[in-house]
């Protein structure tokens, strides 16, 4: 059996088992390739082109019975536990950067990452943009990417979960960003000061019905990072209501807030009518991430 054949066979098993994707991959083949390549100790960007003239491809490289057994064991674990592949490999990738992750933190997949790296919010930043807050930082991936993208900023990364912050510390240390990234325990904005020139936030925003319908893979993640109804609401906007109310006092005059709300645009607009939001273009469309200026927040309140 070759590597490509093993990936194809594994993808078929994942499909037949009905596993859910969305934690770094969107389909069975990509998920199988991730698991197979990782278990074989190969880079995830290893070429798999099966054309004969691609000398760098490993598609037709034979695998040993021992390798096949190890992949089968990993695949069986993925299917039986329904844990995201990122938890099994303890690695997740955003914008080509590898991050450590385990069950203490949500698997990083924020669309804000691509906006940072691809310059999608640069228009709203100025030469005076120096202090950044990554609110609900999770494993610290957005804080790390912000520090990498803007070498003249300092970042405070906060989360209510000390477990998540322990994971974030691993990633801050991994990229030697301790001088520029400070980790803080904070329930929302309660323990941060500012003023910040840029606030990034991928908060808990999943509405109550969607929480009840989550596939097992998402139920493997900390509910605290997903459930937007912890104050008794149903629309997923509980955390965001507090955030938008309190954010202006933590923002500098020309600061902006970049907020991810996933598939909850309808609930967001119903909760905050007349709020002057700028919806940002991402690979998932213009309905998942928005930008708010301090002026817009003050005008709304």
Protein backbone atom coordinates (compact mmCIF):
# COMPACT_ATOMS: atom_id res chain seq x y z
CA UNK A 1 0.00 0.00 0.00
CA UNK A 2 1.19 3.53 -0.80
CA UNK A 3 0.75 6.70 1.21
CA UNK A 4 -1.89 8.03 -1.18
CA UNK A 5 -3.80 4.75 -1.07
CA UNK A 6 -3.69 4.81 2.73
CA UNK A 7 -5.03 8.38 2.78
CA UNK A 8 -7.83 7.46 0.38
CA UNK A 9 -8.76 4.38 2.41
CA UNK A 10 -8.67 6.41 5.63
CA UNK A 11 -10.86 9.13 4.10
CA UNK A 12 -13.42 6.50 3.17
CA UNK A 13 -13.44 5.22 6.76
CA UNK A 14 -13.97 8.74 8.11
CA UNK A 15 -16.82 9.30 5.68
CA UNK A 16 -18.51 6.03 6.56
CA UNK A 17 -18.14 6.78 10.28
CA UNK A 18 -19.88 10.15 9.83
CA UNK A 19 -17.32 12.20 11.70
CA UNK A 20 -17.65 15.99 11.68
CA UNK A 21 -15.03 18.38 10.36
CA UNK A 22 -14.34 22.07 10.92
CA UNK A 23 -11.32 22.04 13.22
CA UNK A 24 -8.71 22.70 10.57
CA UNK A 25 -10.16 20.70 7.69
CA UNK A 26 -13.49 20.69 5.90
CA UNK A 27 -13.53 17.25 4.27
CA UNK A 28 -12.56 13.63 4.81
CA UNK A 29 -9.58 13.56 2.43
CA UNK A 30 -7.85 16.53 4.04
CA UNK A 31 -8.53 15.14 7.52
CA UNK A 32 -7.13 11.75 6.52
CA UNK A 33 -4.07 13.36 4.95
CA UNK A 34 -3.45 15.30 8.17
CA UNK A 35 -3.64 12.19 10.33
CA UNK A 36 -1.60 9.98 8.00
CA UNK A 37 1.18 12.48 7.37
CA UNK A 38 1.41 13.40 11.05
CA UNK A 39 1.59 9.77 12.14
CA UNK A 40 4.29 9.06 9.54
CA UNK A 41 6.30 12.07 10.75
CA UNK A 42 5.95 13.94 7.47
CA UNK A 43 5.25 17.69 7.11
CA UNK A 44 1.59 18.48 6.51
CA UNK A 45 2.48 20.33 3.31
CA UNK A 46 4.16 17.24 1.85
CA UNK A 47 3.19 17.03 -1.87
CA UNK A 48 0.66 14.32 -2.65
CA UNK A 49 0.43 14.87 -6.39
CA UNK A 50 0.13 11.43 -7.97
CA UNK A 51 1.54 12.40 -11.37
CA UNK A 52 4.71 10.44 -12.22
CA UNK A 53 6.80 13.52 -13.02
CA UNK A 54 6.39 15.07 -9.55
CA UNK A 55 9.59 13.83 -7.93
CA UNK A 56 8.83 15.51 -4.58
CA UNK A 57 5.50 13.76 -4.13
CA UNK A 58 5.23 10.93 -1.63
CA UNK A 59 1.96 9.69 -3.12
CA UNK A 60 3.44 6.43 -4.36
CA UNK A 61 5.84 5.86 -1.48
CA UNK A 62 5.16 2.44 0.02
CA UNK A 63 4.41 2.13 3.72
CA UNK A 64 5.43 -0.66 6.06
CA UNK A 65 2.98 -2.88 7.94
CA UNK A 66 4.06 -1.18 11.18
CA UNK A 67 3.30 2.25 9.74
CA UNK A 68 -0.06 1.05 8.53
CA UNK A 69 -0.87 -0.31 11.99
CA UNK A 70 0.05 2.97 13.68
CA UNK A 71 -2.11 4.97 11.27
CA UNK A 72 -5.00 2.53 11.78
CA UNK A 73 -4.75 3.00 15.55
CA UNK A 74 -4.82 6.80 15.25
CA UNK A 75 -7.73 6.67 12.83
CA UNK A 76 -9.67 4.35 15.14
CA UNK A 77 -9.12 6.80 17.99
CA UNK A 78 -10.38 9.69 15.85
CA UNK A 79 -13.53 7.74 15.01
CA UNK A 80 -14.25 6.23 18.42
CA UNK A 81 -13.62 9.33 20.53
CA UNK A 82 -14.83 11.93 17.99
CA UNK A 83 -12.06 14.20 19.24
CA UNK A 84 -10.84 16.74 16.68
CA UNK A 85 -7.61 15.73 14.96
CA UNK A 86 -5.91 18.74 16.53
CA UNK A 87 -6.39 17.25 19.99
CA UNK A 88 -4.95 13.92 18.86
CA UNK A 89 -1.89 15.52 17.27
CA UNK A 90 -1.74 18.40 19.78
CA UNK A 91 -1.10 20.71 16.86
CA UNK A 92 -3.21 23.18 14.92
CA UNK A 93 -2.21 25.44 12.05
CA UNK A 94 -3.32 29.00 11.35
CA UNK A 95 -1.93 30.94 8.40
CA UNK A 96 1.00 28.57 8.09
CA UNK A 97 1.96 28.85 11.76
CA UNK A 98 1.87 25.76 14.00
CA UNK A 99 0.31 26.09 17.45
CA UNK A 100 0.20 23.68 20.36
CA UNK A 101 -3.31 22.83 21.53
CA UNK A 102 -4.97 20.33 23.83
CA UNK A 103 -8.39 19.85 25.44
CA UNK A 104 -7.83 22.76 27.82
CA UNK A 105 -8.43 25.25 24.99
CA UNK A 106 -10.66 25.52 21.95
CA UNK A 107 -9.09 24.41 18.67
CA UNK A 108 -7.94 27.67 17.00
CA UNK A 109 -9.70 28.44 13.72
CA UNK A 110 -10.55 32.13 13.90
CA UNK A 111 -11.02 34.01 10.65
CA UNK A 112 -9.41 36.99 12.37
CA UNK A 113 -6.11 35.19 11.75
CA UNK A 114 -6.35 35.68 8.00
CA UNK A 115 -7.37 39.32 8.42
CA UNK A 116 -4.24 39.93 10.49
CA UNK A 117 -1.83 38.18 8.16
CA UNK A 118 -3.38 39.37 4.90
CA UNK A 119 -3.78 43.00 5.97
CA UNK A 120 -7.56 42.95 6.12
CA UNK A 121 -7.75 45.45 8.99
CA UNK A 122 -4.71 47.58 8.17
CA UNK A 123 -6.86 50.37 6.75
CA UNK A 124 -8.23 51.11 10.25
CA UNK A 125 -4.85 51.08 11.97
CA UNK A 126 -2.45 53.99 12.31
CA UNK A 127 1.13 54.69 13.29
CA UNK A 128 -0.14 55.09 16.85
CA UNK A 129 -1.48 51.52 16.98
CA UNK A 130 0.80 50.05 19.63
CA UNK A 131 -1.32 48.37 22.31
CA UNK A 132 -3.34 45.30 21.33
CA UNK A 133 -5.74 43.23 23.41
CA UNK A 134 -6.59 39.67 22.37
CA UNK A 135 -9.73 39.03 24.41
CA UNK A 136 -10.77 35.38 24.90
CA UNK A 137 -7.33 34.35 23.67
CA UNK A 138 -7.74 30.59 24.12
CA UNK A 139 -4.47 28.98 23.08
CA UNK A 140 -2.98 32.39 22.28
CA UNK A 141 -2.86 31.97 18.51
CA UNK A 142 -4.28 35.39 17.60
CA UNK A 143 -1.99 37.10 20.10
CA UNK A 144 1.02 35.37 18.56
CA UNK A 145 -0.06 36.19 15.01
CA UNK A 146 -0.69 39.83 15.93
CA UNK A 147 2.79 40.10 17.44
CA UNK A 148 4.31 38.45 14.37
CA UNK A 149 2.37 40.64 11.95
CA UNK A 150 2.95 43.95 13.72
CA UNK A 151 6.48 43.93 15.20
CA UNK A 152 6.03 47.32 16.88
CA UNK A 153 3.02 46.36 19.04
CA UNK A 154 2.69 44.82 22.47
CA UNK A 155 -0.14 42.41 23.15
CA UNK A 156 -2.13 41.61 26.24
CA UNK A 157 -3.93 38.28 25.85
CA UNK A 158 -6.70 37.51 28.33
CA UNK A 159 -9.02 34.63 29.08
CA UNK A 160 -11.30 33.60 31.93
CA UNK A 161 -9.82 30.09 31.80
CA UNK A 162 -6.48 29.58 33.54
CA UNK A 163 -6.26 26.22 31.77
CA UNK A 164 -6.47 27.93 28.39
CA UNK A 165 -3.86 30.48 29.47
CA UNK A 166 -1.49 27.64 30.36
CA UNK A 167 -1.81 26.44 26.78
CA UNK A 168 -1.32 30.00 25.50
CA UNK A 169 1.88 30.26 27.52
CA UNK A 170 3.27 27.25 25.65
CA UNK A 171 2.71 29.05 22.34
CA UNK A 172 4.10 32.36 23.57
CA UNK A 173 7.21 30.52 24.74
CA UNK A 174 7.41 28.52 21.52
CA UNK A 175 7.89 31.69 19.49
CA UNK A 176 9.92 33.55 22.15
CA UNK A 177 7.36 36.34 22.40
CA UNK A 178 7.42 36.71 26.20
CA UNK A 179 8.77 40.30 25.99
CA UNK A 180 5.81 41.41 23.86
CA UNK A 181 2.86 39.25 24.96
CA UNK A 182 1.44 39.40 28.48
CA UNK A 183 -1.15 36.82 29.55
CA UNK A 184 -3.95 37.92 31.88
CA UNK A 185 -6.76 36.11 33.68
CA UNK A 186 -9.91 38.13 33.10
CA UNK A 187 -13.65 37.56 32.84
CA UNK A 188 -14.26 39.65 29.76
CA UNK A 189 -12.92 43.14 30.33
CA UNK A 190 -13.11 43.07 34.12
CA UNK A 191 -9.37 42.66 34.74
CA UNK A 192 -7.87 44.53 31.78
CA UNK A 193 -7.03 48.21 31.70
CA UNK A 194 -5.87 49.63 28.41
CA UNK A 195 -6.46 51.89 26.72
CA UNK A 196 -5.95 49.65 23.71
CA UNK A 197 -5.55 50.73 20.12
CA UNK A 198 -6.82 47.42 18.75
CA UNK A 199 -9.01 44.80 20.41
CA UNK A 200 -9.33 41.37 18.83
CA UNK A 201 -12.07 39.10 20.11
CA UNK A 202 -13.32 35.68 19.09
CA UNK A 203 -15.77 35.23 21.98
CA UNK A 204 -18.29 32.55 22.94
CA UNK A 205 -21.22 33.30 20.63
CA UNK A 206 -23.03 30.03 19.79
CA UNK A 207 -26.78 30.31 20.34
CA UNK A 208 -28.64 27.89 22.60
CA UNK A 209 -30.21 25.78 19.85
CA UNK A 210 -26.90 25.41 18.03
CA UNK A 211 -25.17 24.45 21.29
CA UNK A 212 -27.72 21.66 21.74
CA UNK A 213 -27.10 20.43 18.20
CA UNK A 214 -23.28 20.49 18.23
CA UNK A 215 -21.56 17.36 16.85
CA UNK A 216 -19.42 15.39 19.33
CA UNK A 217 -16.22 16.93 17.95
CA UNK A 218 -17.35 20.36 19.14
CA UNK A 219 -18.58 18.94 22.42
CA UNK A 220 -14.97 17.85 23.06
CA UNK A 221 -14.03 21.53 23.35
CA UNK A 222 -14.49 23.64 26.48
CA UNK A 223 -18.13 24.75 26.45
CA UNK A 224 -17.04 28.01 28.06
CA UNK A 225 -15.34 28.96 24.79
CA UNK A 226 -18.43 28.30 22.69
CA UNK A 227 -21.60 28.93 24.70
CA UNK A 228 -22.83 32.49 24.30
CA UNK A 229 -25.80 32.00 26.65
CA UNK A 230 -24.19 31.76 30.08
CA UNK A 231 -26.10 34.79 31.40
CA UNK A 232 -29.44 33.20 30.64
CA UNK A 233 -29.97 34.27 27.04
CA UNK A 234 -30.75 32.13 24.01
CA UNK A 235 -29.28 34.10 21.11
CA UNK A 236 -25.58 33.63 21.89
CA UNK A 237 -25.03 37.33 22.49
CA UNK A 238 -24.68 37.39 26.31
CA UNK A 239 -20.90 37.93 26.38
CA UNK A 240 -21.04 40.34 23.46
CA UNK A 241 -23.65 42.56 25.14
CA UNK A 242 -21.27 43.17 28.04
CA UNK A 243 -18.33 43.60 25.70
CA UNK A 244 -19.91 46.28 23.52
CA UNK A 245 -21.20 48.15 26.56
CA UNK A 246 -17.83 48.27 28.32
CA UNK A 247 -15.34 48.33 25.45
CA UNK A 248 -15.18 52.11 24.81
CA UNK A 249 -13.69 52.83 28.24
CA UNK A 250 -10.83 50.44 27.40
CA UNK A 251 -10.16 51.90 23.93
CA UNK A 252 -8.01 54.80 22.81
CA UNK A 253 -9.65 57.55 20.75
CA UNK A 254 -9.02 55.97 17.34
CA UNK A 255 -9.16 52.35 18.46
CA UNK A 256 -11.10 49.61 16.72
CA UNK A 257 -12.64 46.35 17.89
CA UNK A 258 -12.50 43.34 15.55
CA UNK A 259 -15.16 40.83 16.56
CA UNK A 260 -15.90 37.36 15.21
CA UNK A 261 -19.48 36.11 15.47
CA UNK A 262 -19.40 33.08 13.15
CA UNK A 263 -22.80 32.18 11.76
CA UNK A 264 -24.67 34.42 14.19
CA UNK A 265 -25.09 37.54 12.03
CA UNK A 266 -28.89 37.44 12.28
CA UNK A 267 -28.78 37.20 16.06
CA UNK A 268 -26.13 39.91 16.25
CA UNK A 269 -28.08 42.39 14.13
CA UNK A 270 -31.29 41.65 16.04
CA UNK A 271 -29.49 42.25 19.35
CA UNK A 272 -27.72 45.44 18.21
CA UNK A 273 -29.95 47.30 15.75
CA UNK A 274 -28.62 50.57 14.34
CA UNK A 275 -25.05 49.71 15.39
CA UNK A 276 -22.71 51.01 12.69
CA UNK A 277 -20.62 47.90 12.03
CA UNK A 278 -18.19 47.30 9.18
CA UNK A 279 -18.46 43.71 7.96
CA UNK A 280 -15.10 42.41 6.80
CA UNK A 281 -14.41 40.18 3.81
CA UNK A 282 -12.98 36.78 4.76
CA UNK A 283 -12.62 33.43 3.04
CA UNK A 284 -15.99 32.52 4.62
CA UNK A 285 -17.74 35.63 3.30
CA UNK A 286 -18.70 39.00 4.78
CA UNK A 287 -21.02 37.82 7.54
CA UNK A 288 -18.67 36.37 10.16
CA UNK A 289 -16.28 39.09 11.30
CA UNK A 290 -17.07 42.76 11.92
CA UNK A 291 -15.18 45.86 12.92
CA UNK A 292 -16.41 48.57 15.28
CA UNK A 293 -14.79 51.92 15.92
CA UNK A 294 -14.88 53.47 19.37
CA UNK A 295 -16.91 56.30 17.87
CA UNK A 296 -19.53 53.85 16.61
CA UNK A 297 -19.78 52.17 20.00
CA UNK A 298 -20.19 55.48 21.81
CA UNK A 299 -22.82 56.64 19.31
CA UNK A 300 -24.79 53.41 19.79
CA UNK A 301 -24.92 53.78 23.55
